[in-house]
Amino acid sequence: MAMPGRAEQWSTDQVSLDARTDTWRHVVAANYRQWELPRGLARDFAAWLRYRELGGLRLVECLCGPCSGHRLARELSRDPEPFLAIQVVRDGAERLRVGEETVQAGAGDLLIWSSLKATEFEIPERLHKATIMIPLAAAADWLPAGRAFEGCVLPARSGIAAVLTAHVDALVAQIDSFDEADGLAARRATIELLGAAVARRMGCTPMPLAQLHLRRAQDYILKHLRDPALTLKQIARANGMSVRYLHLLFAQTTRQGVSSWIREQRLQRCRDALADGVLDGPLITEIAFSWGFNDAAHFSRRFKRRFGQSPSAFRAAAGRTGDAG
């Protein structure tokens, strides 16, 4: 295991010539997903990697000699989770064949490829590259094509693609400089830049990242709305953010505190349950408790403050309205 704030390293100097091919295949799979590599690397083949997990991202710096490989149906089926690779070529070249399209990336180029797509690669000369591997699930909602996005090559000389290139390069270059607390910020910045760069290439507008994070947090809250033990710390952890960032999301986007938003959702659902006007239906306390309230008096006060009458008066009025109809 790597120590917090430190990357792990591997090189072919650590293994015998006989074990080099199998070990290289294992190292590639651990960092870039499953690939089939031909047996029998050149005897002078050399490679060095530095890698680290940070905030759900995998940062990888790689130096390697000529080699090749592919991801076909068997390799694709062995990947339990799809990833996107954001790759900057620092020196050398790499050719990728995706479907019928073949692209070559040289020094300074930016490649984005998806582990969902059958792909072949060839490194014809010594290659130095920096890569961020990011779970597709973390970025799919913010990509213009969602989960259908399969990758692209971006001109990285100017504009947002140049900023993304610099971001990837800087994260990998400073791989030992980050605390784990920096990881979530690094992931948010990566997703935002990735989405903006892909949207620019595809001629559309990405969803603001804050809106995406807010929607996910709200979806999680609504899924657990009946749980009286739901906490802000639980919500933040489940959505890969800090409690402070969670507060900022709601304050800046909804103009409402997180706890206030949760209470409003619960009150609305209690109101809906009472609005059926069935006086001999569930007890008011049972309705309140079923939607996450754990104090009947507190619920009654909140309900009256929000809707202008007590829960019992609201139910009675709804019953009379129903009879009149």
Protein backbone atom coordinates (compact mmCIF):
# COMPACT_ATOMS: atom_id res chain seq x y z
CA MET A 1 0.00 0.00 0.00
CA ALA A 2 1.22 3.53 -0.76
CA MET A 3 1.63 5.88 2.16
CA PRO A 4 -0.79 8.87 2.17
CA GLY A 5 0.53 11.54 -0.16
CA ARG A 6 3.03 9.21 -1.83
CA ALA A 7 2.96 7.33 -5.13
CA GLU A 8 4.07 3.77 -5.76
CA GLN A 9 6.65 2.96 -8.42
CA TRP A 10 7.41 -0.03 -10.58
CA SER A 11 10.07 -0.73 -13.20
CA THR A 12 11.24 -3.65 -15.31
CA ASP A 13 14.49 -3.55 -13.35
CA GLN A 14 12.56 -5.25 -10.53
CA VAL A 15 11.81 -8.45 -12.50
CA SER A 16 13.75 -11.06 -14.41
CA LEU A 17 13.76 -11.21 -18.19
CA ASP A 18 11.67 -14.38 -18.14
CA ALA A 19 8.95 -12.76 -16.00
CA ARG A 20 8.97 -9.41 -17.77
CA THR A 21 6.07 -10.01 -20.18
CA ASP A 22 3.68 -11.44 -17.57
CA THR A 23 4.58 -8.78 -15.02
CA TRP A 24 4.14 -5.98 -17.58
CA ARG A 25 0.70 -7.37 -18.48
CA HIS A 26 -0.26 -7.33 -14.79
CA VAL A 27 1.00 -3.77 -14.28
CA VAL A 28 -0.83 -2.51 -17.38
CA ALA A 29 -4.09 -4.14 -16.23
CA ALA A 30 -3.76 -2.65 -12.74
CA ASN A 31 -3.35 0.87 -14.09
CA TYR A 32 -5.09 0.99 -17.49
CA ARG A 33 -7.71 -1.80 -17.20
CA GLN A 34 -7.56 -5.21 -18.93
CA TRP A 35 -5.43 -5.51 -22.07
CA GLU A 36 -4.11 -8.52 -23.96
CA LEU A 37 -0.39 -8.08 -24.66
CA PRO A 38 1.53 -10.30 -27.06
CA ARG A 39 4.06 -12.59 -25.46
CA GLY A 40 7.74 -12.12 -25.98
CA LEU A 41 8.67 -8.50 -25.41
CA ALA A 42 12.01 -7.44 -26.86
CA ARG A 43 14.87 -8.36 -24.54
CA ASP A 44 15.80 -4.69 -24.25
CA PHE A 45 12.23 -3.63 -23.40
CA ALA A 46 12.18 -1.30 -20.41
CA ALA A 47 9.35 0.41 -18.58
CA TRP A 48 8.84 2.55 -15.47
CA LEU A 49 5.57 3.61 -13.84
CA ARG A 50 4.59 5.86 -11.00
CA TYR A 51 0.97 5.67 -9.85
CA ARG A 52 -1.41 6.64 -7.11
CA GLU A 53 -5.11 6.66 -6.19
CA LEU A 54 -6.44 10.13 -5.35
CA GLY A 55 -10.08 10.96 -4.72
CA GLY A 56 -11.35 8.10 -6.87
CA LEU A 57 -8.92 8.98 -9.68
CA ARG A 58 -5.88 6.97 -10.64
CA LEU A 59 -2.89 9.08 -11.62
CA VAL A 60 -0.28 7.31 -13.74
CA GLU A 61 3.03 8.42 -15.21
CA CYS A 62 4.56 5.95 -17.63
CA LEU A 63 7.83 5.59 -19.54
CA CYS A 64 8.03 2.53 -21.76
CA GLY A 65 9.62 1.11 -24.88
CA PRO A 66 7.87 -0.19 -28.00
CA CYS A 67 4.99 -2.57 -27.35
CA SER A 68 1.40 -3.23 -28.39
CA GLY A 69 -1.85 -4.71 -27.15
CA HIS A 70 -5.61 -4.84 -27.57
CA ARG A 71 -8.92 -4.88 -25.69
CA LEU A 72 -11.45 -7.13 -27.37
CA ALA A 73 -14.62 -8.85 -26.11
CA ARG A 74 -12.81 -11.03 -23.56
CA GLU A 75 -10.90 -8.14 -22.01
CA LEU A 76 -13.96 -5.88 -22.02
CA SER A 77 -15.99 -8.51 -20.17
CA ARG A 78 -13.37 -8.76 -17.43
CA ASP A 79 -13.64 -5.09 -16.48
CA PRO A 80 -16.22 -4.74 -13.68
CA GLU A 81 -16.37 -0.94 -13.94
CA PRO A 82 -15.99 1.29 -17.03
CA PHE A 83 -13.36 4.01 -16.97
CA LEU A 84 -12.30 6.98 -19.03
CA ALA A 85 -8.63 7.68 -19.63
CA ILE A 86 -7.46 11.27 -20.10
CA GLN A 87 -3.98 10.92 -21.52
CA VAL A 88 -1.30 13.47 -22.33
CA VAL A 89 1.67 12.41 -24.46
CA ARG A 90 4.78 14.11 -23.15
CA ASP A 91 7.26 12.53 -25.53
CA GLY A 92 7.22 9.85 -28.22
CA ALA A 93 4.07 8.59 -29.92
CA GLU A 94 1.19 6.17 -29.51
CA ARG A 95 -1.27 4.85 -32.09
CA LEU A 96 -4.80 3.84 -31.14
CA ARG A 97 -7.26 1.98 -33.33
CA VAL A 98 -10.86 2.29 -32.15
CA GLY A 99 -13.30 0.59 -34.49
CA GLU A 100 -12.37 1.64 -38.00
CA GLU A 101 -10.56 4.78 -36.90
CA THR A 102 -6.84 4.98 -36.25
CA VAL A 103 -5.27 8.00 -34.59
CA GLN A 104 -1.72 8.81 -33.65
CA ALA A 105 -0.85 11.05 -30.75
CA GLY A 106 2.50 12.76 -30.50
CA ALA A 107 4.14 14.99 -27.94
CA GLY A 108 1.65 17.50 -26.53
CA ASP A 109 -1.46 15.69 -27.80
CA LEU A 110 -4.46 14.85 -25.61
CA LEU A 111 -6.32 11.55 -25.95
CA ILE A 112 -9.54 10.53 -24.23
CA TRP A 113 -10.52 6.88 -24.55
CA SER A 114 -13.16 4.72 -22.93
CA SER A 115 -12.65 1.24 -21.51
CA LEU A 116 -16.07 0.32 -22.98
CA LYS A 117 -14.79 0.32 -26.56
CA ALA A 118 -12.75 -2.38 -28.30
CA THR A 119 -9.34 -0.78 -28.86
CA GLU A 120 -5.85 -1.64 -30.11
CA PHE A 121 -2.72 0.29 -29.23
CA GLU A 122 0.79 0.39 -30.62
CA ILE A 123 3.75 2.26 -29.17
CA PRO A 124 6.30 2.41 -32.01
CA GLU A 125 8.99 4.28 -30.08
CA ARG A 126 9.88 5.18 -26.53
CA LEU A 127 6.86 6.84 -24.92
CA HIS A 128 6.42 9.16 -21.95
CA LYS A 129 2.81 9.88 -20.98
CA ALA A 130 0.68 11.13 -18.10
CA THR A 131 -2.78 9.66 -17.58
CA ILE A 132 -5.77 10.18 -15.31
CA MET A 133 -8.11 7.19 -15.08
CA ILE A 134 -11.58 8.21 -13.90
CA PRO A 135 -14.64 5.99 -13.36
CA LEU A 136 -17.12 6.69 -16.13
CA ALA A 137 -19.94 6.74 -13.57
CA ALA A 138 -18.32 9.77 -11.92
CA ALA A 139 -18.31 11.77 -15.15
CA ALA A 140 -21.05 10.28 -17.34
CA ASP A 141 -23.84 12.62 -16.24
CA TRP A 142 -21.75 15.64 -17.13
CA LEU A 143 -20.54 14.42 -20.50
CA PRO A 144 -22.70 15.55 -23.44
CA ALA A 145 -23.22 11.97 -24.60
CA GLY A 146 -23.43 10.44 -21.12
CA ARG A 147 -22.58 6.76 -20.99
CA ALA A 148 -22.60 6.59 -24.79
CA PHE A 149 -19.41 8.66 -24.88
CA GLU A 150 -16.58 6.50 -26.20
CA GLY A 151 -13.67 8.89 -26.41
CA CYS A 152 -12.01 11.30 -28.79
CA VAL A 153 -8.80 13.06 -29.72
CA LEU A 154 -8.65 16.74 -28.79
CA PRO A 155 -6.38 19.39 -30.28
CA ALA A 156 -4.59 20.54 -27.15
CA ARG A 157 -2.76 23.61 -28.34
CA SER A 158 -5.33 26.19 -27.20
CA GLY A 159 -8.63 26.75 -25.43
CA ILE A 160 -10.17 24.49 -22.79
CA ALA A 161 -8.37 21.41 -24.14
CA ALA A 162 -5.06 23.12 -23.43
CA VAL A 163 -6.22 23.82 -19.89
CA LEU A 164 -7.25 20.17 -19.45
CA THR A 165 -3.87 19.05 -20.79
CA ALA A 166 -2.06 21.30 -18.31
CA HIS A 167 -4.32 20.03 -15.51
CA VAL A 168 -3.54 16.36 -16.23
CA ASP A 169 0.16 17.10 -16.56
CA ALA A 170 0.25 19.08 -13.32
CA LEU A 171 -1.69 16.50 -11.28
CA VAL A 172 0.59 13.69 -12.37
CA ALA A 173 3.76 15.78 -12.03
CA GLN A 174 2.77 16.73 -8.45
CA ILE A 175 1.58 13.23 -7.62
CA ASP A 176 3.39 13.20 -4.25
CA SER A 177 2.26 16.67 -3.20
CA PHE A 178 -1.41 16.03 -2.44
CA ASP A 179 -3.11 15.07 0.77
CA GLU A 180 -6.14 12.80 0.52
CA ALA A 181 -8.27 15.82 1.41
CA ASP A 182 -7.23 17.32 -1.94
CA GLY A 183 -8.62 14.33 -3.82
CA LEU A 184 -12.26 15.42 -4.04
CA ALA A 185 -11.27 18.87 -5.30
CA ALA A 186 -8.99 17.25 -7.88
CA ARG A 187 -11.81 15.00 -9.06
CA ARG A 188 -14.30 17.87 -9.34
CA ALA A 189 -11.84 19.98 -11.33
CA THR A 190 -11.02 17.05 -13.62
CA ILE A 191 -14.68 16.30 -14.35
CA GLU A 192 -15.48 19.95 -14.99
CA LEU A 193 -12.59 20.42 -17.41
CA LEU A 194 -13.26 17.10 -19.13
CA GLY A 195 -16.94 17.87 -19.63
CA ALA A 196 -16.23 21.36 -20.91
CA ALA A 197 -13.56 20.14 -23.33
CA VAL A 198 -15.74 17.35 -24.74
CA ALA A 199 -18.77 19.65 -24.98
CA ARG A 200 -16.73 22.20 -26.91
CA ARG A 201 -15.62 19.52 -29.36
CA MET A 202 -19.20 18.30 -29.79
CA GLY A 203 -20.66 21.80 -30.07
CA CYS A 204 -22.93 21.70 -27.02
CA THR A 205 -23.11 23.17 -23.52
CA PRO A 206 -22.25 21.04 -20.48
CA MET A 207 -24.33 20.99 -17.30
CA PRO A 208 -22.71 23.18 -14.62
CA LEU A 209 -20.79 20.92 -12.26
CA ALA A 210 -22.43 22.39 -9.15
CA GLN A 211 -25.85 21.59 -10.60
CA LEU A 212 -24.79 18.01 -11.23
CA HIS A 213 -23.48 17.60 -7.69
CA LEU A 214 -26.62 19.18 -6.24
CA ARG A 215 -28.88 16.87 -8.23
CA ARG A 216 -26.98 13.81 -7.06
CA ALA A 217 -27.10 14.93 -3.43
CA GLN A 218 -30.83 15.65 -3.70
CA ASP A 219 -31.49 12.27 -5.32
CA TYR A 220 -29.65 10.58 -2.46
CA ILE A 221 -31.63 12.55 0.13
CA LEU A 222 -34.95 11.69 -1.48
CA LYS A 223 -34.00 8.02 -1.59
CA HIS A 224 -33.30 8.09 2.16
CA LEU A 225 -35.92 10.64 3.16
CA ARG A 226 -37.78 8.22 5.43
CA ASP A 227 -34.65 7.55 7.49
CA PRO A 228 -34.78 9.68 10.68
CA ALA A 229 -31.06 9.04 11.21
CA LEU A 230 -30.06 10.63 7.88
CA THR A 231 -27.15 13.01 8.53
CA LEU A 232 -25.30 15.61 6.49
CA LYS A 233 -22.08 13.68 7.00
CA GLN A 234 -23.72 10.57 5.52
CA ILE A 235 -25.03 12.53 2.53
CA ALA A 236 -21.66 14.15 1.89
CA ARG A 237 -19.71 10.90 2.17
CA ALA A 238 -22.09 9.03 -0.13
CA ASN A 239 -21.64 11.71 -2.80
CA GLY A 240 -17.88 12.13 -2.53
CA MET A 241 -17.87 15.63 -1.06
CA SER A 242 -17.20 17.41 2.20
CA VAL A 243 -19.98 18.62 4.49
CA ARG A 244 -18.77 22.17 3.89
CA TYR A 245 -19.11 21.76 0.11
CA LEU A 246 -22.57 20.24 0.62
CA HIS A 247 -23.62 23.34 2.57
CA LEU A 248 -22.22 25.62 -0.14
CA LEU A 249 -24.06 23.72 -2.89
CA PHE A 250 -27.44 24.22 -1.27
CA ALA A 251 -26.77 27.78 -0.12
CA GLN A 252 -25.59 28.95 -3.55
CA THR A 253 -27.97 26.93 -5.73
CA THR A 254 -31.22 26.60 -3.78
CA ARG A 255 -30.80 29.60 -1.43
CA GLN A 256 -31.77 27.14 1.30
CA GLY A 257 -29.83 25.18 3.91
CA VAL A 258 -29.49 21.42 3.52
CA SER A 259 -31.48 20.67 6.68
CA SER A 260 -34.19 23.12 5.64
CA TRP A 261 -34.46 21.47 2.23
CA ILE A 262 -34.75 18.01 3.81
CA ARG A 263 -37.41 19.24 6.23
CA GLU A 264 -39.38 20.83 3.39
CA GLN A 265 -39.38 17.58 1.42
CA ARG A 266 -40.63 15.66 4.45
CA LEU A 267 -43.33 18.21 5.22
CA GLN A 268 -44.57 18.14 1.63
CA ARG A 269 -44.90 14.36 1.71
CA CYS A 270 -46.69 14.43 5.04
CA ARG A 271 -49.03 17.06 3.63
CA ASP A 272 -49.72 14.84 0.60
CA ALA A 273 -50.52 11.90 2.89
CA LEU A 274 -52.91 14.05 4.97
CA ALA A 275 -54.56 15.59 1.92
CA ASP A 276 -56.47 12.43 1.05
CA GLY A 277 -58.92 13.49 3.76
CA VAL A 278 -59.38 9.98 5.19
CA LEU A 279 -60.01 10.74 8.85
CA ASP A 280 -59.77 7.12 9.94
CA GLY A 281 -56.55 6.53 7.95
CA PRO A 282 -53.09 6.32 9.49
CA LEU A 283 -52.53 8.33 12.64
CA ILE A 284 -50.91 11.72 12.07
CA THR A 285 -48.00 10.60 14.24
CA GLU A 286 -47.56 7.48 12.10
CA ILE A 287 -47.43 9.60 8.94
CA ALA A 288 -44.91 11.98 10.49
CA PHE A 289 -42.69 9.15 11.71
CA SER A 290 -42.90 7.36 8.36
CA TRP A 291 -41.32 10.43 6.72
CA GLY A 292 -38.36 10.83 9.06
CA PHE A 293 -39.76 12.97 11.86
CA ASN A 294 -39.16 11.52 15.31
CA ASP A 295 -40.99 14.03 17.53
CA ALA A 296 -44.75 14.52 17.09
CA ALA A 297 -44.87 17.92 18.80
CA HIS A 298 -41.96 19.22 16.74
CA PHE A 299 -43.62 17.96 13.55
CA SER A 300 -46.91 19.64 14.47
CA ARG A 301 -45.21 22.99 15.08
CA ARG A 302 -43.25 22.80 11.83
CA PHE A 303 -46.32 21.80 9.84
CA LYS A 304 -48.42 24.66 11.23
CA ARG A 305 -45.63 27.17 10.62
CA ARG A 306 -45.26 25.98 7.01
CA PHE A 307 -48.91 25.51 6.00
CA GLY A 308 -50.78 27.82 8.38
CA GLN A 309 -52.78 25.18 10.24
CA SER A 310 -52.17 22.12 12.39
CA PRO A 311 -51.94 18.67 10.79
CA SER A 312 -55.27 17.63 12.32
CA ALA A 313 -57.02 20.79 11.09
CA PHE A 314 -55.52 20.32 7.64
CA ARG A 315 -56.73 16.72 7.50
CA ALA A 316 -60.20 17.70 8.69
CA ALA A 317 -60.45 20.46 6.10
CA ALA A 318 -59.30 18.11 3.38
CA GLY A 319 -61.97 15.62 4.50
CA ARG A 320 -64.72 18.23 4.31
CA THR A 321 -63.55 19.30 0.86
CA GLY A 322 -63.70 15.70 -0.28
CA ASP A 323 -67.21 15.24 1.07
CA ALA A 324 -68.36 18.39 -0.72
CA GLY A 325 -67.08 17.05 -4.00
